Amino acid sequence: MKSVDYDTWHLPVLLDRVIESLSIKPDGLYIDLTAGGGGHSAAILAGLGRGGRLLAADRDPEALAVCEQRLRGVETAAVYEVIRAAFSEFPAWLSEEYRGHVDGVLADLGVSSHQLDDSGRGFSYLHDGPLDMRMDPGLKQSAADLIATVREEDLVALLRLYGEERYASSIAKSIVQRRREKPISTTGELADIVVCAVPPHARRDANPSRRTFQALRMAVNHEQEELAHLLQVLPDVMAPGGRVAVISFHSLEDRMVKQAMRRWESPCECPRDFPECICGKKPLGSSVHSKPITADESEREVNRRSRSAKLRVFEFREADV
């Protein structure tokens, strides 16, 4: 593989705050479930020493290849492994000996700069290319396949839920009308349809296609379902004192992370009017910060994609504490 300019490929968001929040133990076990171009993974690995281990996973094989190349350049006595897997495959691939002993997990829910900038991946409305959007090329359904078959009312719901699109009805109607004439197969075609479907005043500021593309990407990659699975299984693999750090870029995802961490902190299912807990479910730990961490002004200037990032961190402890 030829040499890669890693910061051009993908600039990791909130890097210093992630490393600080994970409170890395030199001999600990850490998992980066969204390794991408390896920015966060390389920084974690650099903080590990003899006895330390990093497992770097991602469902994008192209990203994993870049990540592996980057990790090879890190000087450390620790060991690492790269794994191609989605959230829904975790923790099936994790060795039994590691379960209950994971000191830190990172999940960055954003799309990499490379995925957005590579027109062949079909993620961006700014670059014309095939309407794909699959993070894992092995997925059966591309964005083009989705909009070719989805019912209009389901498309409206999808755009509202994942894109928070106020013009979802008119956009969905325009997409359905156009596909009756011919298949919509490129990002440029879709972007043009969206621009024409919204009122003139909605075209003045940010590109009106952004929310539609975001919604389709989330649907194609089953991002909500993948995240829900991950948040369900994480407590079972964490060591006492282990930390989970999640970076989200969408209000729906941030809400899911926030609610999961609240459940971990207060898992009791007893009715509120019960004088004492009888369900036996004890707090699993607590959030490290009272509010999500966001990028400071200097980072927002250098990396505009950091502007919507929110980092939440949870520390696990013994269940009976």
Protein backbone atom coordinates (compact mmCIF):
# COMPACT_ATOMS: atom_id res chain seq x y z
CA MET A 1 0.00 0.00 0.00
CA LYS A 2 1.39 3.42 -0.94
CA SER A 3 2.18 6.03 1.70
CA VAL A 4 -0.81 7.95 3.05
CA ASP A 5 -1.10 11.49 4.44
CA TYR A 6 -3.12 10.43 7.45
CA ASP A 7 -4.36 13.88 8.46
CA THR A 8 -5.65 14.41 4.92
CA TRP A 9 -7.25 10.95 4.89
CA HIS A 10 -9.03 11.65 8.16
CA LEU A 11 -8.43 14.09 11.00
CA PRO A 12 -9.51 12.47 14.31
CA VAL A 13 -12.05 14.51 16.26
CA LEU A 14 -11.49 15.50 19.92
CA LEU A 15 -8.27 13.46 19.93
CA ASP A 16 -6.69 14.93 23.06
CA ARG A 17 -9.96 14.79 25.01
CA VAL A 18 -10.54 11.17 24.00
CA ILE A 19 -7.09 10.08 25.18
CA GLU A 20 -7.48 12.07 28.40
CA SER A 21 -10.95 10.62 29.03
CA LEU A 22 -9.88 7.00 28.46
CA SER A 23 -7.23 7.41 31.18
CA ILE A 24 -5.03 4.82 29.47
CA LYS A 25 -3.23 2.20 31.56
CA PRO A 26 0.06 1.17 29.91
CA ASP A 27 -0.69 -2.54 30.36
CA GLY A 28 -4.43 -2.28 29.65
CA LEU A 29 -6.72 -3.71 26.98
CA TYR A 30 -8.34 -1.13 24.71
CA ILE A 31 -10.74 -1.44 21.79
CA ASP A 32 -11.34 1.15 19.08
CA LEU A 33 -14.54 -0.02 17.41
CA THR A 34 -14.38 2.65 14.69
CA ALA A 35 -10.69 2.62 13.85
CA GLY A 36 -11.14 4.37 10.50
CA GLY A 37 -7.85 5.85 9.33
CA GLY A 38 -6.23 5.02 12.66
CA GLY A 39 -5.99 8.49 14.23
CA HIS A 40 -7.49 7.61 17.59
CA SER A 41 -6.09 4.07 17.45
CA ALA A 42 -2.52 5.28 16.92
CA ALA A 43 -2.78 7.67 19.88
CA ILE A 44 -4.15 4.90 22.12
CA LEU A 45 -1.41 2.51 21.01
CA ALA A 46 1.24 5.16 21.66
CA GLY A 47 0.01 5.36 25.27
CA LEU A 48 0.34 1.62 25.82
CA GLY A 49 3.45 -0.21 26.93
CA ARG A 50 4.58 -3.75 27.61
CA GLY A 51 1.56 -5.91 28.37
CA GLY A 52 -0.78 -3.45 26.66
CA ARG A 53 -3.07 -4.49 23.82
CA LEU A 54 -5.14 -2.59 21.25
CA LEU A 55 -7.90 -4.14 19.15
CA ALA A 56 -8.76 -1.82 16.24
CA ALA A 57 -12.00 -2.68 14.45
CA ASP A 58 -13.94 -1.16 11.57
CA ARG A 59 -16.37 -2.41 8.94
CA ASP A 60 -14.69 -0.45 6.13
CA PRO A 61 -11.87 -2.61 4.68
CA GLU A 62 -10.25 0.38 2.96
CA ALA A 63 -10.10 2.26 6.27
CA LEU A 64 -8.66 -0.76 8.06
CA ALA A 65 -5.83 -1.03 5.54
CA VAL A 66 -4.87 2.59 6.23
CA CYS A 67 -5.22 2.04 9.97
CA GLU A 68 -2.93 -0.98 9.92
CA GLN A 69 -0.29 0.94 7.98
CA ARG A 70 -0.50 3.77 10.49
CA LEU A 71 -0.25 1.48 13.53
CA ARG A 72 2.87 -0.17 12.10
CA GLY A 73 4.60 3.19 12.46
CA VAL A 74 3.87 3.56 16.18
CA GLU A 75 6.84 2.85 18.43
CA THR A 76 5.52 0.84 21.36
CA ALA A 77 6.08 -2.37 23.31
CA ALA A 78 2.33 -3.04 23.16
CA VAL A 79 0.67 -5.33 20.63
CA TYR A 80 -2.27 -4.63 18.36
CA GLU A 81 -4.68 -6.39 16.05
CA VAL A 82 -7.03 -5.07 13.36
CA ILE A 83 -10.45 -6.66 12.92
CA ARG A 84 -13.01 -6.12 10.20
CA ALA A 85 -16.37 -6.04 11.98
CA ALA A 86 -19.51 -3.99 12.56
CA PHE A 87 -20.94 -3.10 15.96
CA SER A 88 -23.52 -5.87 15.58
CA GLU A 89 -20.71 -8.44 15.46
CA PHE A 90 -19.36 -7.32 18.82
CA PRO A 91 -18.48 -8.98 21.12
CA ALA A 92 -18.72 -12.26 19.16
CA TRP A 93 -15.17 -11.82 17.86
CA LEU A 94 -13.76 -10.91 21.28
CA SER A 95 -11.87 -13.74 23.01
CA GLU A 96 -13.51 -15.10 26.13
CA GLU A 97 -10.38 -14.30 28.13
CA TYR A 98 -10.84 -10.60 27.39
CA ARG A 99 -14.52 -10.35 28.37
CA GLY A 100 -14.93 -8.51 31.62
CA HIS A 101 -11.36 -7.23 31.32
CA VAL A 102 -11.63 -4.42 28.75
CA ASP A 103 -10.14 -1.20 30.17
CA GLY A 104 -11.42 1.14 27.48
CA VAL A 105 -13.67 1.27 24.42
CA LEU A 106 -13.96 4.05 21.86
CA ALA A 107 -16.72 4.46 19.28
CA ASP A 108 -16.58 7.45 16.90
CA LEU A 109 -19.93 7.48 15.10
CA GLY A 110 -18.93 9.95 12.41
CA VAL A 111 -18.10 9.45 8.75
CA SER A 112 -14.42 9.76 7.86
CA SER A 113 -13.12 12.61 5.74
CA HIS A 114 -11.96 10.11 3.15
CA GLN A 115 -15.37 8.51 2.86
CA LEU A 116 -16.92 11.93 2.26
CA ASP A 117 -14.23 13.16 -0.13
CA ASP A 118 -13.96 10.01 -2.24
CA SER A 119 -16.63 10.40 -4.94
CA GLY A 120 -16.54 6.66 -5.59
CA ARG A 121 -17.98 5.95 -2.14
CA GLY A 122 -21.10 8.01 -2.85
CA PHE A 123 -21.42 9.64 0.58
CA SER A 124 -21.23 13.30 -0.41
CA TYR A 125 -23.54 15.67 -2.24
CA LEU A 126 -20.47 17.78 -3.09
CA HIS A 127 -18.83 15.17 -5.35
CA ASP A 128 -20.71 13.43 -8.14
CA GLY A 129 -20.35 9.67 -8.10
CA PRO A 130 -22.29 6.44 -7.78
CA LEU A 131 -25.07 6.63 -5.19
CA ASP A 132 -23.63 4.03 -2.83
CA MET A 133 -23.04 5.14 0.81
CA ARG A 134 -22.14 1.66 2.10
CA MET A 135 -19.48 1.77 4.82
CA ASP A 136 -19.04 -1.95 4.25
CA PRO A 137 -19.02 -2.71 0.50
CA GLY A 138 -20.33 -6.17 1.40
CA LEU A 139 -23.73 -4.82 2.40
CA LYS A 140 -26.42 -5.86 -0.08
CA GLN A 141 -28.32 -2.59 -0.36
CA SER A 142 -26.78 0.66 -1.58
CA ALA A 143 -28.45 4.08 -1.32
CA ALA A 144 -29.49 3.73 -4.98
CA ASP A 145 -31.15 0.40 -4.21
CA LEU A 146 -32.93 1.90 -1.21
CA ILE A 147 -34.51 4.87 -2.97
CA ALA A 148 -35.45 2.67 -5.92
CA THR A 149 -37.70 0.50 -3.78
CA VAL A 150 -38.71 2.33 -0.59
CA ARG A 151 -42.34 3.40 -0.30
CA GLU A 152 -42.94 7.14 -0.38
CA GLU A 153 -44.43 7.25 3.13
CA ASP A 154 -41.49 5.26 4.50
CA LEU A 155 -39.05 7.60 2.80
CA VAL A 156 -40.78 10.57 4.42
CA ALA A 157 -40.45 8.93 7.85
CA LEU A 158 -36.80 8.09 7.21
CA LEU A 159 -35.93 11.66 6.20
CA ARG A 160 -37.69 13.07 9.24
CA LEU A 161 -36.16 10.64 11.73
CA TYR A 162 -32.55 10.47 10.55
CA GLY A 163 -32.28 13.78 8.72
CA GLU A 164 -34.64 15.92 10.79
CA GLU A 165 -35.72 17.22 7.38
CA ARG A 166 -38.62 19.68 7.50
CA TYR A 167 -39.26 19.29 3.76
CA ALA A 168 -39.30 15.49 3.89
CA SER A 169 -42.68 15.16 2.15
CA SER A 170 -41.81 17.25 -0.89
CA ILE A 171 -38.35 15.67 -1.20
CA ALA A 172 -39.76 12.14 -1.00
CA LYS A 173 -42.46 12.98 -3.53
CA SER A 174 -39.87 14.39 -5.97
CA ILE A 175 -37.65 11.31 -5.58
CA VAL A 176 -40.56 8.95 -6.29
CA GLN A 177 -41.64 10.99 -9.32
CA ARG A 178 -38.11 11.00 -10.76
CA ARG A 179 -37.53 7.27 -10.27
CA ARG A 180 -40.65 6.55 -12.31
CA GLU A 181 -38.88 8.17 -15.26
CA LYS A 182 -35.47 6.53 -14.70
CA PRO A 183 -33.36 5.08 -11.88
CA ILE A 184 -31.53 7.58 -9.66
CA SER A 185 -27.98 6.28 -9.71
CA THR A 186 -25.62 9.17 -8.87
CA THR A 187 -25.12 11.56 -5.99
CA GLY A 188 -25.36 14.49 -8.36
CA GLU A 189 -28.80 13.42 -9.56
CA LEU A 190 -30.09 13.04 -6.02
CA ALA A 191 -28.64 16.37 -4.89
CA ASP A 192 -30.32 18.14 -7.83
CA ILE A 193 -33.67 16.53 -7.00
CA VAL A 194 -33.46 17.69 -3.39
CA VAL A 195 -32.46 21.25 -4.31
CA CYS A 196 -35.41 21.53 -6.68
CA ALA A 197 -37.80 20.05 -4.11
CA VAL A 198 -37.21 22.60 -1.35
CA PRO A 199 -38.43 26.21 -1.42
CA PRO A 200 -36.01 28.91 -2.70
CA HIS A 201 -35.28 30.34 0.76
CA ALA A 202 -34.04 26.91 1.94
CA ARG A 203 -31.29 26.99 -0.70
CA ARG A 204 -29.59 30.16 0.49
CA ASP A 205 -27.33 28.90 3.27
CA ALA A 206 -26.13 25.31 3.75
CA ASN A 207 -26.65 22.84 0.94
CA PRO A 208 -30.23 21.53 1.36
CA SER A 209 -29.09 18.03 0.36
CA ARG A 210 -27.07 17.51 3.52
CA ARG A 211 -29.89 16.17 5.67
CA THR A 212 -31.21 13.84 2.96
CA PHE A 213 -27.77 12.34 2.38
CA GLN A 214 -27.27 11.92 6.12
CA ALA A 215 -30.61 10.15 6.50
CA LEU A 216 -29.96 7.76 3.62
CA ARG A 217 -26.47 6.96 4.88
CA MET A 218 -27.81 6.12 8.33
CA ALA A 219 -30.53 3.92 6.83
CA VAL A 220 -28.24 2.10 4.39
CA ASN A 221 -25.74 1.27 7.12
CA HIS A 222 -28.37 0.51 9.78
CA GLU A 223 -26.55 2.91 12.07
CA GLN A 224 -29.28 3.22 14.69
CA GLU A 225 -29.68 -0.55 15.01
CA GLU A 226 -25.90 -1.05 15.11
CA LEU A 227 -25.50 1.51 17.89
CA ALA A 228 -28.42 0.09 19.88
CA HIS A 229 -26.76 -3.35 19.83
CA LEU A 230 -23.42 -1.94 20.93
CA LEU A 231 -24.89 -0.02 23.85
CA GLN A 232 -26.69 -3.17 24.96
CA VAL A 233 -23.60 -5.41 25.08
CA LEU A 234 -20.86 -3.04 26.27
CA PRO A 235 -21.43 -3.49 30.04
CA ASP A 236 -20.76 -7.22 29.73
CA VAL A 237 -17.18 -6.77 28.51
CA MET A 238 -15.91 -3.90 30.64
CA ALA A 239 -13.44 -4.27 33.50
CA PRO A 240 -14.00 -2.53 36.85
CA GLY A 241 -12.73 0.99 36.28
CA GLY A 242 -13.03 0.54 32.51
CA ARG A 243 -14.23 3.49 30.45
CA VAL A 244 -16.44 3.80 27.38
CA ALA A 245 -16.08 6.89 25.19
CA VAL A 246 -18.59 7.59 22.43
CA ILE A 247 -18.44 10.47 19.93
CA SER A 248 -21.73 11.25 18.21
CA PHE A 249 -22.61 13.77 15.51
CA HIS A 250 -26.38 13.39 15.32
CA SER A 251 -28.97 14.32 17.95
CA LEU A 252 -30.65 10.91 17.71
CA GLU A 253 -27.39 9.06 18.33
CA ASP A 254 -26.36 11.38 21.15
CA ARG A 255 -29.75 10.83 22.79
CA MET A 256 -29.31 7.05 22.53
CA VAL A 257 -25.85 7.26 24.15
CA LYS A 258 -27.09 9.61 26.87
CA GLN A 259 -30.05 7.36 27.71
CA ALA A 260 -27.88 4.22 27.76
CA MET A 261 -25.42 5.80 30.17
CA ARG A 262 -28.30 6.87 32.39
CA ARG A 263 -29.55 3.27 32.44
CA TRP A 264 -26.08 2.05 33.35
CA GLU A 265 -25.96 4.62 36.13
CA SER A 266 -29.50 3.89 37.40
CA PRO A 267 -30.59 0.42 36.22
CA CYS A 268 -33.21 -0.09 38.96
CA GLU A 269 -36.58 -1.10 37.48
CA CYS A 270 -38.65 -0.81 40.65
CA PRO A 271 -41.65 1.56 40.65
CA ARG A 272 -40.71 5.01 41.91
CA ASP A 273 -43.07 4.76 44.89
CA PHE A 274 -41.30 1.67 46.27
CA PRO A 275 -39.52 2.53 49.53
CA GLU A 276 -36.48 0.47 48.54
CA CYS A 277 -35.09 -1.43 45.56
CA ILE A 278 -36.16 -5.06 45.28
CA CYS A 279 -35.11 -5.75 41.65
CA GLY A 280 -31.47 -6.10 42.70
CA LYS A 281 -30.06 -4.07 39.83
CA LYS A 282 -27.25 -1.87 41.09
CA PRO A 283 -25.50 1.08 39.43
CA LEU A 284 -22.81 -0.04 36.99
CA GLY A 285 -20.80 3.15 37.34
CA SER A 286 -21.15 6.81 36.48
CA SER A 287 -20.61 9.36 33.74
CA VAL A 288 -17.16 10.93 33.90
CA HIS A 289 -18.44 14.36 32.83
CA SER A 290 -21.76 15.99 33.68
CA LYS A 291 -22.11 17.32 30.13
CA PRO A 292 -20.83 16.11 26.75
CA ILE A 293 -17.42 17.35 25.67
CA THR A 294 -17.38 19.44 22.49
CA ALA A 295 -14.59 20.77 20.30
CA ASP A 296 -12.98 24.07 21.29
CA GLU A 297 -12.76 27.01 18.92
CA SER A 298 -9.27 26.16 17.67
CA GLU A 299 -10.31 22.64 16.66
CA ARG A 300 -13.51 23.84 15.03
CA GLU A 301 -11.46 26.21 12.88
CA VAL A 302 -9.04 23.48 11.78
CA ASN A 303 -11.62 20.70 11.40
CA ARG A 304 -15.10 21.95 10.55
CA ARG A 305 -16.50 18.42 10.91
CA SER A 306 -15.78 18.62 14.64
CA ARG A 307 -18.43 21.31 15.15
CA SER A 308 -21.27 18.88 15.80
CA ALA A 309 -19.22 16.30 17.73
CA LYS A 310 -20.24 15.34 21.27
CA LEU A 311 -18.12 13.07 23.45
CA ARG A 312 -19.70 11.20 26.36
CA VAL A 313 -17.64 9.05 28.72
CA PHE A 314 -18.76 6.45 31.28
CA GLU A 315 -16.66 4.66 33.91
CA PHE A 316 -17.74 1.19 35.09
CA ARG A 317 -17.23 -0.15 38.57
CA GLU A 318 -18.03 -3.31 40.48
CA ALA A 319 -21.79 -3.98 40.18
CA ASP A 320 -22.18 -4.46 43.94
CA VAL A 321 -20.41 -1.25 44.95
